[in-house]
Amino acid sequence: MTISEEIRQRLQTRFAPELLAVVDESEGHRGHAGWREGGETHFRVRIRAAELGPMSRLARHRAVHGALGPGLMARLHALALEADG
């Protein structure tokens, strides 16, 4: 399973979002810090889920990071997150 698929699966399972887009932007960071051959280092996630609606921006980010877990977060170099309810 790719990291993209793992991100998608964990967020889908945890939040049952109305909208979920996981984009691997690694190629755009080739040669930069954290980039590695094969990509899967830099991601953009757009998620809309009812549970996230009443949360502050910081709480949304914490909830998403928590759903991904420390093991998966440690394998990412960058995660751009757009989350709302």
C-alpha atoms as a PDB file:
ATOM      1  CA  MET A   1       0.000   0.000   0.000  1.00  0.00           C
ATOM      2  CA  THR A   2       1.365   3.428  -0.912  1.00  0.00           C
ATOM      3  CA  ILE A   3       1.546   6.237   1.619  1.00  0.00           C
ATOM      4  CA  SER A   4      -1.164   8.071  -0.345  1.00  0.00           C
ATOM      5  CA  GLU A   5      -3.462   5.069  -0.016  1.00  0.00           C
ATOM      6  CA  GLU A   6      -2.670   4.727   3.669  1.00  0.00           C
ATOM      7  CA  ILE A   7      -3.474   8.396   4.304  1.00  0.00           C
ATOM      8  CA  ARG A   8      -6.750   8.062   2.389  1.00  0.00           C
ATOM      9  CA  GLN A   9      -7.747   4.857   4.187  1.00  0.00           C
ATOM     10  CA  ARG A  10      -7.023   6.172   7.684  1.00  0.00           C
ATOM     11  CA  LEU A  11      -8.859   9.456   7.135  1.00  0.00           C
ATOM     12  CA  GLN A  12     -11.806   7.738   5.459  1.00  0.00           C
ATOM     13  CA  THR A  13     -12.092   5.273   8.344  1.00  0.00           C
ATOM     14  CA  ARG A  14     -11.750   7.909  11.071  1.00  0.00           C
ATOM     15  CA  PHE A  15     -13.895  10.745   9.686  1.00  0.00           C
ATOM     16  CA  ALA A  16     -16.138   9.341   6.889  1.00  0.00           C
ATOM     17  CA  PRO A  17     -15.589  12.649   5.077  1.00  0.00           C
ATOM     18  CA  GLU A  18     -17.879  14.207   2.478  1.00  0.00           C
ATOM     19  CA  LEU A  19     -14.775  15.266   0.567  1.00  0.00           C
ATOM     20  CA  LEU A  20     -11.296  13.777   0.665  1.00  0.00           C
ATOM     21  CA  ALA A  21      -8.460  14.543  -1.728  1.00  0.00           C
ATOM     22  CA  VAL A  22      -4.912  13.298  -1.157  1.00  0.00           C
ATOM     23  CA  VAL A  23      -2.348  14.722  -3.579  1.00  0.00           C
ATOM     24  CA  ASP A  24       1.303  13.645  -3.689  1.00  0.00           C
ATOM     25  CA  GLU A  25       3.219  16.869  -4.425  1.00  0.00           C
ATOM     26  CA  SER A  26       6.642  15.280  -3.935  1.00  0.00           C
ATOM     27  CA  GLU A  27       7.864  15.694  -7.489  1.00  0.00           C
ATOM     28  CA  GLY A  28       7.555  19.467  -7.141  1.00  0.00           C
ATOM     29  CA  HIS A  29      10.076  19.280  -4.287  1.00  0.00           C
ATOM     30  CA  ARG A  30      12.738  17.236  -6.094  1.00  0.00           C
ATOM     31  CA  GLY A  31      16.156  18.201  -4.767  1.00  0.00           C
ATOM     32  CA  HIS A  32      14.757  19.928  -1.680  1.00  0.00           C
ATOM     33  CA  ALA A  33      15.166  18.806   1.907  1.00  0.00           C
ATOM     34  CA  GLY A  34      13.185  15.710   2.737  1.00  0.00           C
ATOM     35  CA  TRP A  35      12.672  14.587  -0.854  1.00  0.00           C
ATOM     36  CA  ARG A  36      13.614  11.011  -1.668  1.00  0.00           C
ATOM     37  CA  GLU A  37      13.620   8.898  -4.802  1.00  0.00           C
ATOM     38  CA  GLY A  38      10.171   7.482  -5.461  1.00  0.00           C
ATOM     39  CA  GLY A  39       8.368  10.458  -3.937  1.00  0.00           C
ATOM     40  CA  GLU A  40       5.710  10.020  -1.262  1.00  0.00           C
ATOM     41  CA  THR A  41       7.287  12.683   0.955  1.00  0.00           C
ATOM     42  CA  HIS A  42       5.181  15.829   0.418  1.00  0.00           C
ATOM     43  CA  PHE A  43       1.382  15.690   0.486  1.00  0.00           C
ATOM     44  CA  ARG A  44      -1.608  18.017   0.303  1.00  0.00           C
ATOM     45  CA  VAL A  45      -4.820  16.792   1.938  1.00  0.00           C
ATOM     46  CA  ARG A  46      -8.218  18.447   1.513  1.00  0.00           C
ATOM     47  CA  ILE A  47     -10.848  17.037   3.866  1.00  0.00           C
ATOM     48  CA  ARG A  48     -14.388  18.070   4.727  1.00  0.00           C
ATOM     49  CA  ALA A  49     -16.084  16.163   7.535  1.00  0.00           C
ATOM     50  CA  ALA A  50     -18.931  17.083   9.877  1.00  0.00           C
ATOM     51  CA  GLU A  51     -16.869  16.164  12.937  1.00  0.00           C
ATOM     52  CA  LEU A  52     -14.244  18.769  12.013  1.00  0.00           C
ATOM     53  CA  GLY A  53     -16.787  21.592  11.604  1.00  0.00           C
ATOM     54  CA  PRO A  54     -17.011  22.850  15.191  1.00  0.00           C
ATOM     55  CA  MET A  55     -13.252  22.573  15.798  1.00  0.00           C
ATOM     56  CA  SER A  56     -10.704  25.366  15.632  1.00  0.00           C
ATOM     57  CA  ARG A  57      -8.122  25.201  12.862  1.00  0.00           C
ATOM     58  CA  LEU A  58      -5.511  23.917  15.303  1.00  0.00           C
ATOM     59  CA  ALA A  59      -7.875  21.244  16.668  1.00  0.00           C
ATOM     60  CA  ARG A  60      -8.648  20.088  13.106  1.00  0.00           C
ATOM     61  CA  HIS A  61      -4.958  19.694  12.353  1.00  0.00           C
ATOM     62  CA  ARG A  62      -4.408  17.798  15.590  1.00  0.00           C
ATOM     63  CA  ALA A  63      -7.367  15.509  14.832  1.00  0.00           C
ATOM     64  CA  VAL A  64      -6.050  14.696  11.352  1.00  0.00           C
ATOM     65  CA  HIS A  65      -2.509  14.129  12.643  1.00  0.00           C
ATOM     66  CA  GLY A  66      -3.951  11.892  15.354  1.00  0.00           C
ATOM     67  CA  ALA A  67      -5.916   9.868  12.813  1.00  0.00           C
ATOM     68  CA  LEU A  68      -2.783   9.355  10.721  1.00  0.00           C
ATOM     69  CA  GLY A  69      -0.784   8.338  13.785  1.00  0.00           C
ATOM     70  CA  PRO A  70       2.828   8.998  14.756  1.00  0.00           C
ATOM     71  CA  GLY A  71       4.254   6.174  12.629  1.00  0.00           C
ATOM     72  CA  LEU A  72       2.765   7.480   9.395  1.00  0.00           C
ATOM     73  CA  MET A  73       3.454  11.126  10.266  1.00  0.00           C
ATOM     74  CA  ALA A  74       7.125  10.234  10.815  1.00  0.00           C
ATOM     75  CA  ARG A  75       7.337   8.926   7.229  1.00  0.00           C
ATOM     76  CA  LEU A  76       6.164  12.259   5.765  1.00  0.00           C
ATOM     77  CA  HIS A  77       8.345  15.284   5.247  1.00  0.00           C
ATOM     78  CA  ALA A  78       5.494  17.737   4.660  1.00  0.00           C
ATOM     79  CA  LEU A  79       1.715  17.714   4.962  1.00  0.00           C
ATOM     80  CA  ALA A  80      -0.296  20.689   3.731  1.00  0.00           C
ATOM     81  CA  LEU A  81      -3.746  20.407   5.238  1.00  0.00           C
ATOM     82  CA  GLU A  82      -7.005  22.073   4.248  1.00  0.00           C
ATOM     83  CA  ALA A  83      -9.669  20.864   6.679  1.00  0.00           C
ATOM     84  CA  ASP A  84     -13.191  22.063   7.376  1.00  0.00           C
ATOM     85  CA  GLY A  85     -16.610  20.851   8.421  1.00  0.00           C
END
